[in-house]
Amino acid sequence: MGKSRLAIIVVAFLAVASGVFWYQSRNPQQTSFLGSPRISNQEPSSAVVVVGGNAVNVESQEGGDTIAVDLVVLAEPGFVVIHNSTKDGKPGEVVGHSELLSKGENKAVVLDIDPQAMKGDIYFSILHADTSKDEDFGGTEEDLPLKDNTGNIIMMKFTINSDATPVEEE
């Protein structure tokens, strides 16, 4: 009697675990750091797990004419590109991009953006390959966004949390 009860518990546990994994695999709106990080409508996490060789992490930050990307991990040399947000909350126009970043881990990547970021602005950092192999970012049509193993573009959404301090011209 004890063995059959244990068998029922084990089968129930496996059924629940299988259901959770199935649900997460069918729900791309959920934030997942398995495979490659992608963010839908959640704030960034300070924990990044890299599987598959590509990842990006950007924390919410103060406004200004630069964006600080905390961590970029690339399987091959590429770029981190900053896009503004459209009215419907999707990546919009390119407002800045890095120089060519090396394969592997790149920390504290700072890049210029135009126009400058203000409180409440929402941006997306998106990883792009050096598809053209010319070591210069040639735009989103020339140097394509990197995708994770499920076909999602590798990106992270972040918010500007305070007003930019204007830089005085000399």
N, C-alpha and C. Protein backbone atom coordinates (compact mmCIF):
# COMPACT_ATOMS: atom_id res chain seq x y z
N MET A 1 0.82 -1.19 0.00
CA MET A 1 0.00 0.00 0.00
C MET A 1 0.86 1.25 0.00
N GLY A 2 1.96 1.27 0.73
CA GLY A 2 2.87 2.40 0.77
C GLY A 2 3.55 2.64 -0.56
N LYS A 3 3.90 1.56 -1.27
CA LYS A 3 4.57 1.71 -2.57
C LYS A 3 3.63 2.29 -3.61
N SER A 4 2.38 1.88 -3.60
CA SER A 4 1.44 2.42 -4.59
C SER A 4 1.15 3.90 -4.33
N ARG A 5 1.09 4.30 -3.08
CA ARG A 5 0.89 5.71 -2.74
C ARG A 5 2.09 6.54 -3.21
N LEU A 6 3.30 6.03 -3.00
CA LEU A 6 4.52 6.71 -3.45
C LEU A 6 4.53 6.82 -4.97
N ALA A 7 4.13 5.77 -5.66
CA ALA A 7 4.09 5.79 -7.12
C ALA A 7 3.10 6.84 -7.62
N ILE A 8 1.95 6.97 -6.97
CA ILE A 8 0.96 7.98 -7.35
C ILE A 8 1.53 9.38 -7.16
N ILE A 9 2.23 9.60 -6.06
CA ILE A 9 2.83 10.92 -5.79
C ILE A 9 3.88 11.25 -6.85
N VAL A 10 4.73 10.30 -7.19
CA VAL A 10 5.77 10.53 -8.20
C VAL A 10 5.14 10.83 -9.56
N VAL A 11 4.13 10.08 -9.95
CA VAL A 11 3.45 10.31 -11.24
C VAL A 11 2.80 11.69 -11.25
N ALA A 12 2.15 12.08 -10.15
CA ALA A 12 1.51 13.40 -10.07
C ALA A 12 2.55 14.51 -10.19
N PHE A 13 3.68 14.36 -9.51
CA PHE A 13 4.75 15.36 -9.58
C PHE A 13 5.26 15.50 -11.01
N LEU A 14 5.51 14.38 -11.67
CA LEU A 14 6.00 14.42 -13.05
C LEU A 14 4.98 15.05 -13.99
N ALA A 15 3.70 14.80 -13.77
CA ALA A 15 2.66 15.39 -14.61
C ALA A 15 2.63 16.91 -14.43
N VAL A 16 2.72 17.39 -13.19
CA VAL A 16 2.72 18.83 -12.94
C VAL A 16 3.96 19.48 -13.54
N ALA A 17 5.13 18.88 -13.34
CA ALA A 17 6.37 19.43 -13.89
C ALA A 17 6.32 19.48 -15.42
N SER A 18 5.80 18.43 -16.04
CA SER A 18 5.67 18.43 -17.50
C SER A 18 4.73 19.53 -17.97
N GLY A 19 3.65 19.73 -17.26
CA GLY A 19 2.70 20.79 -17.61
C GLY A 19 3.32 22.16 -17.52
N VAL A 20 4.12 22.41 -16.49
CA VAL A 20 4.80 23.71 -16.34
C VAL A 20 5.76 23.94 -17.50
N PHE A 21 6.57 22.96 -17.83
CA PHE A 21 7.51 23.12 -18.94
C PHE A 21 6.78 23.32 -20.26
N TRP A 22 5.70 22.58 -20.49
CA TRP A 22 4.92 22.73 -21.71
C TRP A 22 4.33 24.14 -21.78
N TYR A 23 3.75 24.64 -20.70
CA TYR A 23 3.15 25.97 -20.68
C TYR A 23 4.19 27.04 -20.99
N GLN A 24 5.36 26.97 -20.36
CA GLN A 24 6.40 27.97 -20.61
C GLN A 24 6.91 27.92 -22.03
N SER A 25 6.99 26.75 -22.62
CA SER A 25 7.47 26.66 -24.01
C SER A 25 6.45 27.22 -24.99
N ARG A 26 5.17 27.24 -24.63
CA ARG A 26 4.10 27.74 -25.50
C ARG A 26 3.80 29.21 -25.27
N ASN A 27 4.45 29.85 -24.29
CA ASN A 27 4.12 31.22 -23.91
C ASN A 27 5.31 32.15 -24.12
N PRO A 28 5.56 32.65 -25.32
CA PRO A 28 6.71 33.51 -25.57
C PRO A 28 6.61 34.86 -24.88
N GLN A 29 5.43 35.24 -24.35
CA GLN A 29 5.31 36.51 -23.66
C GLN A 29 6.00 36.48 -22.30
N GLN A 30 6.26 35.32 -21.80
CA GLN A 30 6.91 35.21 -20.50
C GLN A 30 8.39 35.54 -20.63
N THR A 31 8.95 36.16 -19.59
CA THR A 31 10.37 36.46 -19.58
C THR A 31 11.13 35.18 -19.31
N SER A 32 12.16 34.95 -20.10
CA SER A 32 12.94 33.74 -19.94
C SER A 32 14.41 34.05 -20.11
N PHE A 33 15.21 33.59 -19.16
CA PHE A 33 16.64 33.72 -19.30
C PHE A 33 17.25 32.38 -19.69
N LEU A 34 16.41 31.42 -20.08
CA LEU A 34 16.91 30.17 -20.60
C LEU A 34 17.08 30.34 -22.09
N GLY A 35 18.13 29.84 -22.64
CA GLY A 35 18.45 30.11 -24.04
C GLY A 35 19.16 31.44 -24.06
N SER A 36 18.49 32.48 -24.45
CA SER A 36 19.05 33.82 -24.44
C SER A 36 18.05 34.75 -23.80
N PRO A 37 18.52 35.75 -23.04
CA PRO A 37 17.58 36.62 -22.35
C PRO A 37 16.69 37.40 -23.31
N ARG A 38 15.44 37.52 -22.93
CA ARG A 38 14.53 38.39 -23.65
C ARG A 38 13.54 38.93 -22.63
N ILE A 39 13.15 40.13 -22.79
CA ILE A 39 12.24 40.77 -21.85
C ILE A 39 11.02 41.22 -22.62
N SER A 40 9.84 40.94 -22.09
CA SER A 40 8.65 41.45 -22.74
C SER A 40 8.19 42.70 -22.02
N ASN A 41 7.53 42.58 -20.91
CA ASN A 41 7.02 43.74 -20.20
C ASN A 41 7.50 43.80 -18.76
N GLN A 42 8.68 43.30 -18.50
CA GLN A 42 9.18 43.30 -17.14
C GLN A 42 10.47 44.09 -17.07
N GLU A 43 10.75 44.61 -15.88
CA GLU A 43 11.99 45.33 -15.67
C GLU A 43 13.16 44.35 -15.69
N PRO A 44 14.36 44.84 -15.98
CA PRO A 44 15.53 43.97 -16.05
C PRO A 44 15.83 43.28 -14.73
N SER A 45 16.44 42.15 -14.84
CA SER A 45 16.88 41.40 -13.68
C SER A 45 18.39 41.55 -13.57
N SER A 46 18.90 41.53 -12.34
CA SER A 46 20.34 41.63 -12.17
C SER A 46 21.02 40.29 -12.41
N ALA A 47 20.26 39.22 -12.54
CA ALA A 47 20.83 37.90 -12.79
C ALA A 47 20.63 37.55 -14.26
N VAL A 48 21.73 37.23 -14.94
CA VAL A 48 21.66 36.85 -16.34
C VAL A 48 22.31 35.49 -16.49
N VAL A 49 21.59 34.58 -17.10
CA VAL A 49 22.13 33.26 -17.40
C VAL A 49 22.37 33.21 -18.90
N VAL A 50 23.58 32.83 -19.28
CA VAL A 50 23.92 32.78 -20.70
C VAL A 50 23.96 31.32 -21.14
N VAL A 51 23.08 31.00 -22.07
CA VAL A 51 23.08 29.68 -22.70
C VAL A 51 22.97 29.94 -24.19
N GLY A 52 23.88 29.43 -24.97
CA GLY A 52 23.83 29.66 -26.40
C GLY A 52 24.75 30.76 -26.86
N GLY A 53 25.45 31.41 -25.95
CA GLY A 53 26.49 32.35 -26.33
C GLY A 53 26.13 33.80 -26.49
N ASN A 54 24.87 34.22 -26.37
CA ASN A 54 24.49 35.62 -26.54
C ASN A 54 23.60 36.07 -25.39
N ALA A 55 23.86 37.28 -24.87
CA ALA A 55 23.04 37.84 -23.80
C ALA A 55 23.28 39.33 -23.72
N VAL A 56 22.28 40.06 -23.19
CA VAL A 56 22.43 41.49 -22.96
C VAL A 56 21.72 41.83 -21.65
N ASN A 57 22.32 42.73 -20.87
CA ASN A 57 21.71 43.18 -19.62
C ASN A 57 21.91 44.69 -19.50
N VAL A 58 20.79 45.40 -19.33
CA VAL A 58 20.81 46.85 -19.14
C VAL A 58 19.89 47.15 -17.97
N GLU A 59 20.38 47.89 -17.00
CA GLU A 59 19.54 48.30 -15.88
C GLU A 59 18.88 49.64 -16.22
N SER A 60 17.75 49.93 -15.56
CA SER A 60 17.15 51.25 -15.69
C SER A 60 18.19 52.27 -15.23
N GLN A 61 18.19 53.45 -15.83
CA GLN A 61 19.26 54.41 -15.56
C GLN A 61 18.79 55.84 -15.76
N GLU A 62 19.66 56.77 -15.39
CA GLU A 62 19.36 58.19 -15.53
C GLU A 62 19.41 58.59 -16.99
N GLY A 63 18.73 59.69 -17.30
CA GLY A 63 18.71 60.20 -18.66
C GLY A 63 20.03 60.83 -19.05
N GLY A 64 20.13 61.19 -20.31
CA GLY A 64 21.33 61.83 -20.84
C GLY A 64 21.54 61.46 -22.29
N ASP A 65 22.74 61.75 -22.78
CA ASP A 65 23.03 61.46 -24.18
C ASP A 65 23.87 60.20 -24.36
N THR A 66 24.00 59.42 -23.29
CA THR A 66 24.66 58.11 -23.38
C THR A 66 23.81 57.06 -22.68
N ILE A 67 23.99 55.83 -23.09
CA ILE A 67 23.36 54.68 -22.45
C ILE A 67 24.48 53.74 -22.02
N ALA A 68 24.37 53.25 -20.78
CA ALA A 68 25.34 52.29 -20.25
C ALA A 68 24.72 50.90 -20.29
N VAL A 69 25.33 50.01 -21.04
CA VAL A 69 24.89 48.62 -21.12
C VAL A 69 25.81 47.84 -20.19
N ASP A 70 25.23 47.22 -19.18
CA ASP A 70 26.02 46.55 -18.15
C ASP A 70 26.82 45.37 -18.69
N LEU A 71 26.18 44.55 -19.52
CA LEU A 71 26.83 43.33 -19.98
C LEU A 71 26.32 42.94 -21.36
N VAL A 72 27.25 42.63 -22.25
CA VAL A 72 26.92 42.07 -23.56
C VAL A 72 27.79 40.82 -23.72
N VAL A 73 27.16 39.70 -24.00
CA VAL A 73 27.89 38.47 -24.28
C VAL A 73 27.53 38.06 -25.70
N LEU A 74 28.56 37.84 -26.51
CA LEU A 74 28.36 37.51 -27.93
C LEU A 74 29.11 36.24 -28.30
N ALA A 75 28.45 35.37 -29.05
CA ALA A 75 29.09 34.16 -29.56
C ALA A 75 30.06 34.51 -30.68
N GLU A 76 29.78 35.59 -31.40
CA GLU A 76 30.63 36.11 -32.47
C GLU A 76 30.63 37.63 -32.35
N PRO A 77 31.64 38.33 -32.91
CA PRO A 77 31.64 39.80 -32.82
C PRO A 77 30.32 40.39 -33.35
N GLY A 78 29.88 41.47 -32.70
CA GLY A 78 28.62 42.10 -33.11
C GLY A 78 28.43 43.44 -32.43
N PHE A 79 27.21 43.90 -32.40
CA PHE A 79 26.87 45.23 -31.89
C PHE A 79 25.72 45.15 -30.91
N VAL A 80 25.66 46.11 -29.98
CA VAL A 80 24.45 46.33 -29.21
C VAL A 80 23.86 47.63 -29.75
N VAL A 81 22.58 47.58 -30.09
CA VAL A 81 21.90 48.70 -30.75
C VAL A 81 20.73 49.13 -29.86
N ILE A 82 20.60 50.44 -29.65
CA ILE A 82 19.52 50.99 -28.83
C ILE A 82 18.41 51.50 -29.74
N HIS A 83 17.20 51.02 -29.49
CA HIS A 83 16.01 51.44 -30.22
C HIS A 83 15.08 52.17 -29.25
N ASN A 84 14.41 53.24 -29.71
CA ASN A 84 13.38 53.83 -28.88
C ASN A 84 12.16 52.92 -28.93
N SER A 85 11.13 53.27 -28.16
CA SER A 85 9.92 52.47 -28.11
C SER A 85 8.81 53.15 -28.91
N THR A 86 8.07 52.34 -29.67
CA THR A 86 6.92 52.88 -30.39
C THR A 86 5.76 53.08 -29.42
N LYS A 87 4.70 53.72 -29.89
CA LYS A 87 3.52 53.95 -29.04
C LYS A 87 2.90 52.66 -28.54
N ASP A 88 3.06 51.58 -29.31
CA ASP A 88 2.49 50.30 -28.88
C ASP A 88 3.50 49.43 -28.13
N GLY A 89 4.62 50.04 -27.68
CA GLY A 89 5.56 49.34 -26.82
C GLY A 89 6.51 48.38 -27.50
N LYS A 90 6.75 48.56 -28.78
CA LYS A 90 7.66 47.69 -29.52
C LYS A 90 8.91 48.49 -29.91
N PRO A 91 10.01 47.79 -30.25
CA PRO A 91 11.20 48.52 -30.68
C PRO A 91 10.92 49.40 -31.89
N GLY A 92 11.40 50.64 -31.84
CA GLY A 92 11.20 51.60 -32.92
C GLY A 92 12.50 51.90 -33.64
N GLU A 93 12.76 53.20 -33.81
CA GLU A 93 13.94 53.65 -34.55
C GLU A 93 15.23 53.44 -33.76
N VAL A 94 16.33 53.28 -34.49
CA VAL A 94 17.65 53.20 -33.87
C VAL A 94 18.04 54.60 -33.41
N VAL A 95 18.44 54.70 -32.12
CA VAL A 95 18.89 55.99 -31.59
C VAL A 95 20.36 55.95 -31.20
N GLY A 96 20.98 54.78 -31.26
CA GLY A 96 22.40 54.66 -30.95
C GLY A 96 22.87 53.22 -31.12
N HIS A 97 24.18 53.07 -31.28
CA HIS A 97 24.75 51.73 -31.41
C HIS A 97 26.20 51.75 -30.96
N SER A 98 26.69 50.59 -30.58
CA SER A 98 28.08 50.46 -30.16
C SER A 98 29.00 50.33 -31.37
N GLU A 99 30.27 50.42 -31.09
CA GLU A 99 31.28 50.01 -32.06
C GLU A 99 31.21 48.48 -32.10
N LEU A 100 31.96 47.85 -32.99
CA LEU A 100 32.00 46.39 -33.04
C LEU A 100 32.52 45.86 -31.71
N LEU A 101 31.76 44.97 -31.09
CA LEU A 101 32.16 44.36 -29.83
C LEU A 101 32.76 42.98 -30.10
N SER A 102 33.71 42.60 -29.27
CA SER A 102 34.39 41.33 -29.48
C SER A 102 33.55 40.15 -29.02
N LYS A 103 33.89 39.00 -29.54
CA LYS A 103 33.29 37.74 -29.11
C LYS A 103 33.56 37.57 -27.62
N GLY A 104 32.58 37.06 -26.89
CA GLY A 104 32.75 36.85 -25.46
C GLY A 104 32.05 37.92 -24.65
N GLU A 105 32.57 38.16 -23.45
CA GLU A 105 31.94 39.06 -22.49
C GLU A 105 32.46 40.49 -22.64
N ASN A 106 31.54 41.43 -22.78
CA ASN A 106 31.86 42.86 -22.87
C ASN A 106 31.10 43.56 -21.74
N LYS A 107 31.83 44.18 -20.81
CA LYS A 107 31.19 44.83 -19.66
C LYS A 107 31.24 46.34 -19.80
N ALA A 108 30.24 47.00 -19.21
CA ALA A 108 30.17 48.46 -19.12
C ALA A 108 30.36 49.12 -20.49
N VAL A 109 29.52 48.74 -21.44
CA VAL A 109 29.56 49.32 -22.78
C VAL A 109 28.75 50.61 -22.76
N VAL A 110 29.40 51.74 -23.04
CA VAL A 110 28.73 53.04 -23.05
C VAL A 110 28.65 53.52 -24.49
N LEU A 111 27.44 53.94 -24.90
CA LEU A 111 27.29 54.41 -26.27
C LEU A 111 26.43 55.67 -26.31
N ASP A 112 26.68 56.49 -27.31
CA ASP A 112 25.94 57.74 -27.50
C ASP A 112 24.58 57.45 -28.11
N ILE A 113 23.58 58.26 -27.68
CA ILE A 113 22.26 58.19 -28.31
C ILE A 113 21.83 59.60 -28.69
N ASP A 114 20.95 59.68 -29.67
CA ASP A 114 20.40 60.96 -30.11
C ASP A 114 18.97 60.71 -30.59
N PRO A 115 17.97 61.37 -30.00
CA PRO A 115 18.05 62.44 -29.00
C PRO A 115 18.34 61.88 -27.61
N GLN A 116 18.68 62.80 -26.69
CA GLN A 116 19.02 62.35 -25.35
C GLN A 116 17.81 61.77 -24.63
N ALA A 117 18.08 60.87 -23.72
CA ALA A 117 17.03 60.16 -22.98
C ALA A 117 16.52 61.01 -21.83
N MET A 118 15.21 60.98 -21.65
CA MET A 118 14.55 61.73 -20.58
C MET A 118 13.74 60.78 -19.71
N LYS A 119 13.40 61.24 -18.51
CA LYS A 119 12.62 60.45 -17.56
C LYS A 119 11.37 59.88 -18.22
N GLY A 120 11.16 58.59 -18.02
CA GLY A 120 9.99 57.91 -18.56
C GLY A 120 10.20 57.30 -19.94
N ASP A 121 11.27 57.67 -20.63
CA ASP A 121 11.54 57.09 -21.95
C ASP A 121 11.81 55.59 -21.81
N ILE A 122 11.33 54.84 -22.77
CA ILE A 122 11.53 53.39 -22.79
C ILE A 122 12.37 53.05 -24.02
N TYR A 123 13.36 52.19 -23.81
CA TYR A 123 14.26 51.78 -24.88
C TYR A 123 14.40 50.26 -24.90
N PHE A 124 14.94 49.77 -26.00
CA PHE A 124 15.27 48.36 -26.15
C PHE A 124 16.73 48.27 -26.57
N SER A 125 17.50 47.44 -25.89
CA SER A 125 18.85 47.12 -26.35
C SER A 125 18.74 45.79 -27.09
N ILE A 126 19.18 45.79 -28.34
CA ILE A 126 19.05 44.62 -29.21
C ILE A 126 20.43 44.24 -29.74
N LEU A 127 20.75 42.96 -29.68
CA LEU A 127 22.02 42.48 -30.21
C LEU A 127 21.91 42.28 -31.71
N HIS A 128 22.94 42.74 -32.44
CA HIS A 128 22.99 42.60 -33.90
C HIS A 128 24.31 41.95 -34.29
N ALA A 129 24.26 41.10 -35.28
CA ALA A 129 25.46 40.47 -35.84
C ALA A 129 26.15 41.46 -36.78
N ASP A 130 27.43 41.25 -37.00
CA ASP A 130 28.15 41.99 -38.05
C ASP A 130 27.96 41.21 -39.34
N THR A 131 26.71 41.16 -39.80
CA THR A 131 26.33 40.35 -40.96
C THR A 131 27.14 40.73 -42.20
N SER A 132 27.41 42.02 -42.35
CA SER A 132 28.14 42.50 -43.53
C SER A 132 29.64 42.24 -43.43
N LYS A 133 30.12 41.89 -42.25
CA LYS A 133 31.55 41.60 -42.00
C LYS A 133 32.45 42.80 -42.30
N ASP A 134 31.91 44.03 -42.22
CA ASP A 134 32.74 45.22 -42.47
C ASP A 134 33.14 45.94 -41.19
N GLU A 135 32.77 45.39 -40.03
CA GLU A 135 33.11 45.92 -38.71
C GLU A 135 32.47 47.27 -38.39
N ASP A 136 31.50 47.72 -39.20
CA ASP A 136 30.75 48.95 -38.95
C ASP A 136 29.26 48.60 -38.95
N PHE A 137 28.51 49.20 -38.01
CA PHE A 137 27.08 48.95 -37.99
C PHE A 137 26.45 49.67 -39.18
N GLY A 138 25.85 48.90 -40.07
CA GLY A 138 25.28 49.45 -41.30
C GLY A 138 23.77 49.57 -41.28
N GLY A 139 23.16 49.52 -40.11
CA GLY A 139 21.71 49.60 -40.02
C GLY A 139 21.08 48.24 -39.82
N THR A 140 19.80 48.25 -39.49
CA THR A 140 19.11 47.02 -39.13
C THR A 140 18.85 46.09 -40.32
N GLU A 141 18.89 46.62 -41.53
CA GLU A 141 18.70 45.78 -42.71
C GLU A 141 20.01 45.11 -43.13
N GLU A 142 21.13 45.76 -42.84
CA GLU A 142 22.44 45.23 -43.23
C GLU A 142 23.03 44.31 -42.16
N ASP A 143 23.00 44.74 -40.91
CA ASP A 143 23.52 43.94 -39.80
C ASP A 143 22.33 43.47 -38.96
N LEU A 144 21.95 42.24 -39.16
CA LEU A 144 20.68 41.72 -38.66
C LEU A 144 20.68 41.45 -37.16
N PRO A 145 19.50 41.55 -36.53
CA PRO A 145 19.38 41.22 -35.11
C PRO A 145 19.69 39.75 -34.87
N LEU A 146 20.30 39.47 -33.72
CA LEU A 146 20.55 38.09 -33.32
C LEU A 146 19.28 37.50 -32.72
N LYS A 147 19.08 36.20 -32.93
CA LYS A 147 17.90 35.52 -32.40
C LYS A 147 18.33 34.36 -31.51
N ASP A 148 17.47 34.03 -30.54
CA ASP A 148 17.75 32.89 -29.68
C ASP A 148 17.32 31.60 -30.38
N ASN A 149 17.45 30.49 -29.67
CA ASN A 149 17.17 29.19 -30.29
C ASN A 149 15.70 28.95 -30.58
N THR A 150 14.81 29.85 -30.14
CA THR A 150 13.38 29.72 -30.47
C THR A 150 12.94 30.77 -31.48
N GLY A 151 13.90 31.53 -32.03
CA GLY A 151 13.58 32.50 -33.07
C GLY A 151 13.23 33.90 -32.58
N ASN A 152 13.35 34.15 -31.28
CA ASN A 152 13.07 35.48 -30.74
C ASN A 152 14.31 36.36 -30.81
N ILE A 153 14.12 37.62 -31.17
CA ILE A 153 15.23 38.57 -31.19
C ILE A 153 15.73 38.76 -29.76
N ILE A 154 17.05 38.77 -29.60
CA ILE A 154 17.64 38.93 -28.27
C ILE A 154 17.65 40.41 -27.93
N MET A 155 16.85 40.77 -26.93
CA MET A 155 16.70 42.17 -26.56
C MET A 155 16.39 42.30 -25.08
N MET A 156 16.55 43.51 -24.59
CA MET A 156 16.15 43.83 -23.23
C MET A 156 15.53 45.21 -23.21
N LYS A 157 14.38 45.31 -22.58
CA LYS A 157 13.65 46.57 -22.44
C LYS A 157 14.12 47.25 -21.16
N PHE A 158 14.31 48.58 -21.22
CA PHE A 158 14.69 49.31 -20.01
C PHE A 158 14.09 50.71 -20.04
N THR A 159 14.05 51.34 -18.87
CA THR A 159 13.39 52.63 -18.70
C THR A 159 14.37 53.66 -18.13
N ILE A 160 14.20 54.89 -18.55
CA ILE A 160 14.97 56.00 -17.98
C ILE A 160 14.21 56.45 -16.74
N ASN A 161 14.92 56.48 -15.59
CA ASN A 161 14.21 56.71 -14.34
C ASN A 161 14.38 58.09 -13.74
N SER A 162 15.16 58.98 -14.35
CA SER A 162 15.23 60.36 -13.87
C SER A 162 15.61 61.27 -15.03
N ASP A 163 15.30 62.56 -14.88
CA ASP A 163 15.58 63.51 -15.96
C ASP A 163 17.07 63.65 -16.23
N ALA A 164 17.37 63.88 -17.48
CA ALA A 164 18.75 64.12 -17.87
C ALA A 164 19.19 65.48 -17.36
N THR A 165 20.43 65.57 -16.97
CA THR A 165 21.00 66.85 -16.61
C THR A 165 21.63 67.42 -17.87
N PRO A 166 21.14 68.58 -18.33
CA PRO A 166 21.68 69.13 -19.58
C PRO A 166 23.18 69.40 -19.47
N VAL A 167 23.89 69.11 -20.55
CA VAL A 167 25.32 69.38 -20.61
C VAL A 167 25.50 70.78 -21.17
N GLU A 168 26.26 71.61 -20.45
CA GLU A 168 26.48 72.98 -20.92
C GLU A 168 27.51 72.98 -22.03
N GLU A 169 27.21 73.71 -23.08
CA GLU A 169 28.12 73.83 -24.22
C GLU A 169 29.23 74.80 -23.86
N GLU A 170 30.43 74.53 -24.35
CA GLU A 170 31.57 75.42 -24.09
C GLU A 170 31.70 76.46 -25.17
